[in-house]
Amino acid sequence: MSVRLRLKRTGRHNRPFYRIGAFHHTTRRDGKPVEDLGWYDPVTQNDSQRFLLNLERAEYWLAQGAQPSETVRSLIKRGRRAAAEQ
């Protein structure tokens, strides 16, 4: 089973909101995920409330061979950096 960590778009016109999830590679963009891992709000002005990601579960999926999208890869990197600072 090939799994990808990617975004699912929700929200309304001109106000996107994304859910981060683990998806089977053939699932459509807004399809049902295998597991929800968090959310990403690119429009918010507050950087501390821009995204929420369950790093433990993301690391699990990466260890199982899941491939992250470019955006999710950068969010994981930012999440690791924030966790290291705490």
C-alpha atoms as a PDB file:
ATOM      1  CA  MET A   1       0.000   0.000   0.000  1.00  0.00           C
ATOM      2  CA  SER A   2       1.483   3.292  -1.112  1.00  0.00           C
ATOM      3  CA  VAL A   3       0.607   6.134   1.235  1.00  0.00           C
ATOM      4  CA  ARG A   4       1.158   9.858   0.743  1.00  0.00           C
ATOM      5  CA  LEU A   5       1.063  12.587   3.382  1.00  0.00           C
ATOM      6  CA  ARG A   6      -0.712  15.495   1.725  1.00  0.00           C
ATOM      7  CA  LEU A   7      -3.303  18.233   2.043  1.00  0.00           C
ATOM      8  CA  LYS A   8      -7.086  18.071   1.635  1.00  0.00           C
ATOM      9  CA  ARG A   9      -8.650  21.437   0.747  1.00  0.00           C
ATOM     10  CA  THR A  10     -11.672  22.669   2.665  1.00  0.00           C
ATOM     11  CA  GLY A  11     -12.902  26.183   3.435  1.00  0.00           C
ATOM     12  CA  ARG A  12     -14.671  28.577   1.100  1.00  0.00           C
ATOM     13  CA  HIS A  13     -13.840  30.747  -1.919  1.00  0.00           C
ATOM     14  CA  ASN A  14     -10.773  32.933  -1.314  1.00  0.00           C
ATOM     15  CA  ARG A  15     -10.389  31.451   2.197  1.00  0.00           C
ATOM     16  CA  PRO A  16      -8.668  28.080   1.921  1.00  0.00           C
ATOM     17  CA  PHE A  17      -8.200  25.760   4.866  1.00  0.00           C
ATOM     18  CA  TYR A  18      -6.392  22.440   4.590  1.00  0.00           C
ATOM     19  CA  ARG A  19      -6.457  19.202   6.540  1.00  0.00           C
ATOM     20  CA  ILE A  20      -3.214  17.236   6.671  1.00  0.00           C
ATOM     21  CA  GLY A  21      -3.686  13.523   6.278  1.00  0.00           C
ATOM     22  CA  ALA A  22      -2.317  10.171   5.223  1.00  0.00           C
ATOM     23  CA  PHE A  23      -3.968   9.176   1.944  1.00  0.00           C
ATOM     24  CA  HIS A  24      -3.748   6.119  -0.266  1.00  0.00           C
ATOM     25  CA  HIS A  25      -1.945   7.200  -3.437  1.00  0.00           C
ATOM     26  CA  THR A  26      -5.030   6.730  -5.645  1.00  0.00           C
ATOM     27  CA  THR A  27      -7.413   8.774  -3.451  1.00  0.00           C
ATOM     28  CA  ARG A  28      -8.726  11.976  -5.028  1.00  0.00           C
ATOM     29  CA  ARG A  29      -7.657  15.354  -3.589  1.00  0.00           C
ATOM     30  CA  ASP A  30     -10.661  15.801  -1.315  1.00  0.00           C
ATOM     31  CA  GLY A  31     -11.192  12.108  -0.629  1.00  0.00           C
ATOM     32  CA  LYS A  32     -11.290  10.223   2.646  1.00  0.00           C
ATOM     33  CA  PRO A  33      -7.913   9.916   4.395  1.00  0.00           C
ATOM     34  CA  VAL A  34      -6.530   6.813   6.039  1.00  0.00           C
ATOM     35  CA  GLU A  35      -5.771   9.041   9.052  1.00  0.00           C
ATOM     36  CA  ASP A  36      -6.068  12.769   9.816  1.00  0.00           C
ATOM     37  CA  LEU A  37      -2.825  14.250  11.122  1.00  0.00           C
ATOM     38  CA  GLY A  38      -3.687  17.907  11.614  1.00  0.00           C
ATOM     39  CA  TRP A  39      -4.602  21.113   9.787  1.00  0.00           C
ATOM     40  CA  TYR A  40      -3.004  24.067   7.985  1.00  0.00           C
ATOM     41  CA  ASP A  41      -4.436  27.595   7.671  1.00  0.00           C
ATOM     42  CA  PRO A  42      -2.331  29.604   5.171  1.00  0.00           C
ATOM     43  CA  VAL A  43      -4.391  32.805   5.498  1.00  0.00           C
ATOM     44  CA  THR A  44      -4.072  33.441   9.243  1.00  0.00           C
ATOM     45  CA  GLN A  45      -1.759  36.249  10.312  1.00  0.00           C
ATOM     46  CA  ASN A  46      -0.629  34.581  13.544  1.00  0.00           C
ATOM     47  CA  ASP A  47       2.308  32.259  12.753  1.00  0.00           C
ATOM     48  CA  SER A  48       1.856  30.288  15.977  1.00  0.00           C
ATOM     49  CA  GLN A  49      -1.682  29.320  14.901  1.00  0.00           C
ATOM     50  CA  ARG A  50      -0.915  28.633  11.237  1.00  0.00           C
ATOM     51  CA  PHE A  51      -0.841  24.831  11.528  1.00  0.00           C
ATOM     52  CA  LEU A  52      -1.261  21.942  13.941  1.00  0.00           C
ATOM     53  CA  LEU A  53       0.403  18.618  13.212  1.00  0.00           C
ATOM     54  CA  ASN A  54       0.588  15.389  15.185  1.00  0.00           C
ATOM     55  CA  LEU A  55       4.334  14.835  14.708  1.00  0.00           C
ATOM     56  CA  GLU A  56       4.301  11.457  16.402  1.00  0.00           C
ATOM     57  CA  ARG A  57       1.816  10.024  13.890  1.00  0.00           C
ATOM     58  CA  ALA A  58       3.537  11.764  10.955  1.00  0.00           C
ATOM     59  CA  GLU A  59       6.828  10.151  11.985  1.00  0.00           C
ATOM     60  CA  TYR A  60       5.047   6.799  12.177  1.00  0.00           C
ATOM     61  CA  TRP A  61       3.776   7.127   8.604  1.00  0.00           C
ATOM     62  CA  LEU A  62       7.182   8.249   7.358  1.00  0.00           C
ATOM     63  CA  ALA A  63       8.737   5.188   9.011  1.00  0.00           C
ATOM     64  CA  GLN A  64       6.176   3.026   7.187  1.00  0.00           C
ATOM     65  CA  GLY A  65       7.353   4.452   3.844  1.00  0.00           C
ATOM     66  CA  ALA A  66       4.816   7.226   3.255  1.00  0.00           C
ATOM     67  CA  GLN A  67       5.933   9.992   0.900  1.00  0.00           C
ATOM     68  CA  PRO A  68       5.091  13.573   1.991  1.00  0.00           C
ATOM     69  CA  SER A  69       4.116  16.291  -0.475  1.00  0.00           C
ATOM     70  CA  GLU A  70       6.388  19.337  -0.649  1.00  0.00           C
ATOM     71  CA  THR A  71       4.089  21.433   1.545  1.00  0.00           C
ATOM     72  CA  VAL A  72       3.665  18.707   4.156  1.00  0.00           C
ATOM     73  CA  ARG A  73       7.437  18.107   4.155  1.00  0.00           C
ATOM     74  CA  SER A  74       8.027  21.785   4.988  1.00  0.00           C
ATOM     75  CA  LEU A  75       5.324  21.711   7.707  1.00  0.00           C
ATOM     76  CA  ILE A  76       6.923  18.636   9.295  1.00  0.00           C
ATOM     77  CA  LYS A  77      10.282  20.407   9.230  1.00  0.00           C
ATOM     78  CA  ARG A  78       8.759  23.503  10.912  1.00  0.00           C
ATOM     79  CA  GLY A  79       6.997  21.308  13.465  1.00  0.00           C
ATOM     80  CA  ARG A  80      10.236  19.516  14.348  1.00  0.00           C
ATOM     81  CA  ARG A  81      12.005  22.862  14.738  1.00  0.00           C
ATOM     82  CA  ALA A  82       9.251  24.178  17.021  1.00  0.00           C
ATOM     83  CA  ALA A  83       9.319  20.992  19.117  1.00  0.00           C
ATOM     84  CA  ALA A  84      13.090  21.242  19.496  1.00  0.00           C
ATOM     85  CA  GLU A  85      12.811  24.821  20.756  1.00  0.00           C
ATOM     86  CA  GLN A  86      10.444  23.776  23.577  1.00  0.00           C
END
